[in-house]
Amino acid sequence: MSKIPLSSFEAGVMSALGAISLYLRSRPDYDQAELTKYVDFFKNTRQPDAESSAFNLPLDAVGGDLSNVQEAIKAGAGSKPM
């Protein structure tokens, strides 16, 4: 998979989506199947001429596997401002 260049704003939005998703996952009523259903719906609405990797990037930030981010947070990564 090739890297998708992101502006600082886009990277911030991706981080915000990841933070929202991780918060939702921490809730006792979190339902992965429901989230996946909605994420897949929007992935399937991609216009034919849209580049799939770029289009799916924010959706994956919400519904993808974020276990590596969860582990980094548990290990204290990002706990101090840069």
N, C-alpha and C. Protein backbone atom coordinates (compact mmCIF):
# COMPACT_ATOMS: atom_id res chain seq x y z
N MET A 1 0.84 -1.18 0.00
CA MET A 1 0.00 0.00 0.00
C MET A 1 0.89 1.24 0.00
N SER A 2 0.61 2.14 -0.91
CA SER A 2 1.42 3.35 -0.98
C SER A 2 0.96 4.36 0.07
N LYS A 3 1.89 5.20 0.47
CA LYS A 3 1.56 6.23 1.44
C LYS A 3 0.76 7.34 0.77
N ILE A 4 -0.22 7.85 1.48
CA ILE A 4 -1.03 8.94 0.97
C ILE A 4 -0.55 10.21 1.65
N PRO A 5 -0.06 11.18 0.88
CA PRO A 5 0.43 12.42 1.51
C PRO A 5 -0.73 13.19 2.14
N LEU A 6 -0.52 13.66 3.35
CA LEU A 6 -1.55 14.41 4.07
C LEU A 6 -1.01 15.77 4.48
N SER A 7 -1.86 16.78 4.37
CA SER A 7 -1.50 18.09 4.91
C SER A 7 -1.58 18.00 6.43
N SER A 8 -1.10 19.00 7.12
CA SER A 8 -1.18 19.03 8.58
C SER A 8 -2.64 18.99 9.03
N PHE A 9 -3.50 19.71 8.31
CA PHE A 9 -4.92 19.71 8.65
C PHE A 9 -5.52 18.32 8.48
N GLU A 10 -5.23 17.68 7.35
CA GLU A 10 -5.76 16.35 7.10
C GLU A 10 -5.26 15.35 8.15
N ALA A 11 -4.00 15.45 8.52
CA ALA A 11 -3.46 14.56 9.56
C ALA A 11 -4.17 14.80 10.89
N GLY A 12 -4.46 16.05 11.20
CA GLY A 12 -5.19 16.38 12.42
C GLY A 12 -6.60 15.82 12.40
N VAL A 13 -7.27 15.92 11.26
CA VAL A 13 -8.62 15.36 11.12
C VAL A 13 -8.58 13.84 11.29
N MET A 14 -7.59 13.19 10.68
CA MET A 14 -7.46 11.74 10.82
C MET A 14 -7.24 11.35 12.28
N SER A 15 -6.43 12.13 12.98
CA SER A 15 -6.18 11.86 14.40
C SER A 15 -7.46 12.06 15.21
N ALA A 16 -8.22 13.09 14.88
CA ALA A 16 -9.48 13.35 15.59
C ALA A 16 -10.46 12.20 15.37
N LEU A 17 -10.54 11.71 14.14
CA LEU A 17 -11.42 10.58 13.87
C LEU A 17 -10.98 9.34 14.65
N GLY A 18 -9.68 9.12 14.71
CA GLY A 18 -9.17 7.99 15.50
C GLY A 18 -9.50 8.14 16.97
N ALA A 19 -9.36 9.37 17.51
CA ALA A 19 -9.67 9.61 18.92
C ALA A 19 -11.15 9.36 19.21
N ILE A 20 -12.01 9.83 18.32
CA ILE A 20 -13.45 9.61 18.50
C ILE A 20 -13.76 8.12 18.46
N SER A 21 -13.16 7.42 17.51
CA SER A 21 -13.39 5.99 17.40
C SER A 21 -12.91 5.24 18.64
N LEU A 22 -11.73 5.59 19.14
CA LEU A 22 -11.22 4.92 20.35
C LEU A 22 -12.11 5.21 21.55
N TYR A 23 -12.62 6.43 21.63
CA TYR A 23 -13.54 6.75 22.72
C TYR A 23 -14.80 5.88 22.62
N LEU A 24 -15.37 5.79 21.42
CA LEU A 24 -16.57 4.97 21.24
C LEU A 24 -16.30 3.51 21.61
N ARG A 25 -15.12 3.03 21.27
CA ARG A 25 -14.76 1.64 21.59
C ARG A 25 -14.62 1.41 23.09
N SER A 26 -14.38 2.47 23.84
CA SER A 26 -14.23 2.33 25.28
C SER A 26 -15.58 2.26 26.00
N ARG A 27 -16.64 2.56 25.30
CA ARG A 27 -17.97 2.58 25.90
C ARG A 27 -18.49 1.17 26.09
N PRO A 28 -19.22 0.92 27.18
CA PRO A 28 -19.73 -0.44 27.42
C PRO A 28 -20.75 -0.91 26.37
N ASP A 29 -21.41 0.01 25.70
CA ASP A 29 -22.41 -0.39 24.71
C ASP A 29 -21.86 -0.41 23.28
N TYR A 30 -20.54 -0.38 23.14
CA TYR A 30 -19.90 -0.38 21.82
C TYR A 30 -20.24 -1.66 21.06
N ASP A 31 -20.59 -1.51 19.80
CA ASP A 31 -20.95 -2.65 18.96
C ASP A 31 -20.14 -2.59 17.66
N GLN A 32 -19.09 -3.39 17.58
CA GLN A 32 -18.21 -3.40 16.41
C GLN A 32 -18.96 -3.73 15.14
N ALA A 33 -19.89 -4.66 15.20
CA ALA A 33 -20.63 -5.06 14.00
C ALA A 33 -21.44 -3.88 13.45
N GLU A 34 -22.04 -3.11 14.31
CA GLU A 34 -22.82 -1.95 13.87
C GLU A 34 -21.91 -0.90 13.23
N LEU A 35 -20.77 -0.62 13.86
CA LEU A 35 -19.85 0.36 13.30
C LEU A 35 -19.35 -0.10 11.93
N THR A 36 -19.00 -1.35 11.83
CA THR A 36 -18.51 -1.91 10.57
C THR A 36 -19.58 -1.80 9.48
N LYS A 37 -20.83 -2.03 9.84
CA LYS A 37 -21.92 -1.92 8.87
C LYS A 37 -21.97 -0.52 8.27
N TYR A 38 -21.86 0.50 9.11
CA TYR A 38 -21.93 1.88 8.63
C TYR A 38 -20.68 2.27 7.85
N VAL A 39 -19.53 1.87 8.33
CA VAL A 39 -18.29 2.17 7.61
C VAL A 39 -18.32 1.52 6.22
N ASP A 40 -18.73 0.26 6.16
CA ASP A 40 -18.79 -0.44 4.87
C ASP A 40 -19.80 0.22 3.94
N PHE A 41 -20.91 0.70 4.47
CA PHE A 41 -21.88 1.40 3.64
C PHE A 41 -21.22 2.58 2.93
N PHE A 42 -20.51 3.40 3.69
CA PHE A 42 -19.89 4.57 3.08
C PHE A 42 -18.74 4.20 2.15
N LYS A 43 -18.00 3.15 2.46
CA LYS A 43 -16.96 2.70 1.54
C LYS A 43 -17.57 2.29 0.20
N ASN A 44 -18.74 1.70 0.25
CA ASN A 44 -19.41 1.24 -0.97
C ASN A 44 -20.06 2.37 -1.76
N THR A 45 -20.07 3.58 -1.23
CA THR A 45 -20.63 4.72 -1.96
C THR A 45 -19.56 5.49 -2.72
N ARG A 46 -18.33 5.04 -2.65
CA ARG A 46 -17.23 5.74 -3.32
C ARG A 46 -17.53 5.86 -4.81
N GLN A 47 -17.32 7.05 -5.32
CA GLN A 47 -17.49 7.30 -6.75
C GLN A 47 -16.42 6.52 -7.52
N PRO A 48 -16.75 6.02 -8.70
CA PRO A 48 -15.80 5.20 -9.46
C PRO A 48 -14.47 5.90 -9.76
N ASP A 49 -14.49 7.22 -9.91
CA ASP A 49 -13.24 7.90 -10.24
C ASP A 49 -12.45 8.33 -9.01
N ALA A 50 -12.99 8.09 -7.81
CA ALA A 50 -12.27 8.43 -6.58
C ALA A 50 -11.21 7.38 -6.28
N GLU A 51 -10.06 7.82 -5.84
CA GLU A 51 -8.97 6.90 -5.50
C GLU A 51 -9.32 6.18 -4.19
N SER A 52 -9.43 4.87 -4.23
CA SER A 52 -9.97 4.11 -3.10
C SER A 52 -9.15 4.26 -1.82
N SER A 53 -7.83 4.26 -1.91
CA SER A 53 -7.01 4.36 -0.69
C SER A 53 -7.25 5.69 0.02
N ALA A 54 -7.29 6.76 -0.75
CA ALA A 54 -7.51 8.08 -0.14
C ALA A 54 -8.93 8.19 0.41
N PHE A 55 -9.90 7.67 -0.33
CA PHE A 55 -11.29 7.73 0.12
C PHE A 55 -11.50 6.93 1.39
N ASN A 56 -10.88 5.74 1.46
CA ASN A 56 -11.08 4.85 2.60
C ASN A 56 -10.28 5.25 3.83
N LEU A 57 -9.28 6.08 3.67
CA LEU A 57 -8.41 6.43 4.80
C LEU A 57 -9.18 6.95 6.01
N PRO A 58 -10.06 7.95 5.87
CA PRO A 58 -10.79 8.42 7.06
C PRO A 58 -11.77 7.38 7.59
N LEU A 59 -12.34 6.58 6.70
CA LEU A 59 -13.26 5.54 7.16
C LEU A 59 -12.52 4.48 7.96
N ASP A 60 -11.30 4.16 7.54
CA ASP A 60 -10.49 3.21 8.29
C ASP A 60 -10.04 3.78 9.63
N ALA A 61 -9.90 5.10 9.70
CA ALA A 61 -9.55 5.73 10.98
C ALA A 61 -10.68 5.58 11.98
N VAL A 62 -11.89 5.45 11.48
CA VAL A 62 -13.05 5.26 12.35
C VAL A 62 -13.31 3.78 12.61
N GLY A 63 -13.30 2.97 11.57
CA GLY A 63 -13.73 1.59 11.72
C GLY A 63 -12.65 0.54 11.60
N GLY A 64 -11.42 0.95 11.35
CA GLY A 64 -10.34 -0.02 11.17
C GLY A 64 -9.77 -0.54 12.48
N ASP A 65 -8.78 -1.38 12.35
CA ASP A 65 -8.10 -1.95 13.52
C ASP A 65 -7.19 -0.90 14.13
N LEU A 66 -7.51 -0.45 15.31
CA LEU A 66 -6.71 0.56 16.01
C LEU A 66 -6.01 -0.03 17.23
N SER A 67 -5.84 -1.34 17.24
CA SER A 67 -5.22 -1.99 18.39
C SER A 67 -3.79 -1.50 18.62
N ASN A 68 -3.06 -1.19 17.55
CA ASN A 68 -1.70 -0.69 17.73
C ASN A 68 -1.72 0.69 18.40
N VAL A 69 -2.71 1.50 18.11
CA VAL A 69 -2.82 2.81 18.76
C VAL A 69 -3.22 2.63 20.23
N GLN A 70 -4.15 1.72 20.47
CA GLN A 70 -4.55 1.44 21.86
C GLN A 70 -3.36 0.97 22.69
N GLU A 71 -2.52 0.12 22.13
CA GLU A 71 -1.33 -0.37 22.84
C GLU A 71 -0.34 0.77 23.09
N ALA A 72 -0.17 1.64 22.11
CA ALA A 72 0.75 2.78 22.28
C ALA A 72 0.27 3.71 23.37
N ILE A 73 -1.03 3.93 23.44
CA ILE A 73 -1.60 4.78 24.51
C ILE A 73 -1.38 4.13 25.87
N LYS A 74 -1.62 2.82 25.96
CA LYS A 74 -1.41 2.10 27.22
C LYS A 74 0.04 2.19 27.66
N ALA A 75 0.95 2.22 26.68
CA ALA A 75 2.40 2.30 26.98
C ALA A 75 2.85 3.72 27.28
N GLY A 76 1.94 4.67 27.17
CA GLY A 76 2.28 6.05 27.53
C GLY A 76 2.67 6.93 26.37
N ALA A 77 2.61 6.42 25.15
CA ALA A 77 2.97 7.25 23.99
C ALA A 77 2.01 8.42 23.89
N GLY A 78 2.55 9.58 23.59
CA GLY A 78 1.71 10.77 23.43
C GLY A 78 1.22 11.38 24.72
N SER A 79 1.70 10.89 25.85
CA SER A 79 1.22 11.42 27.12
C SER A 79 1.83 12.77 27.47
N LYS A 80 2.92 13.12 26.79
CA LYS A 80 3.56 14.41 27.02
C LYS A 80 3.52 15.21 25.73
N PRO A 81 3.21 16.51 25.82
CA PRO A 81 3.19 17.32 24.60
C PRO A 81 4.56 17.36 23.94
N MET A 82 4.56 17.49 22.63
CA MET A 82 5.83 17.56 21.88
C MET A 82 6.36 18.97 21.91
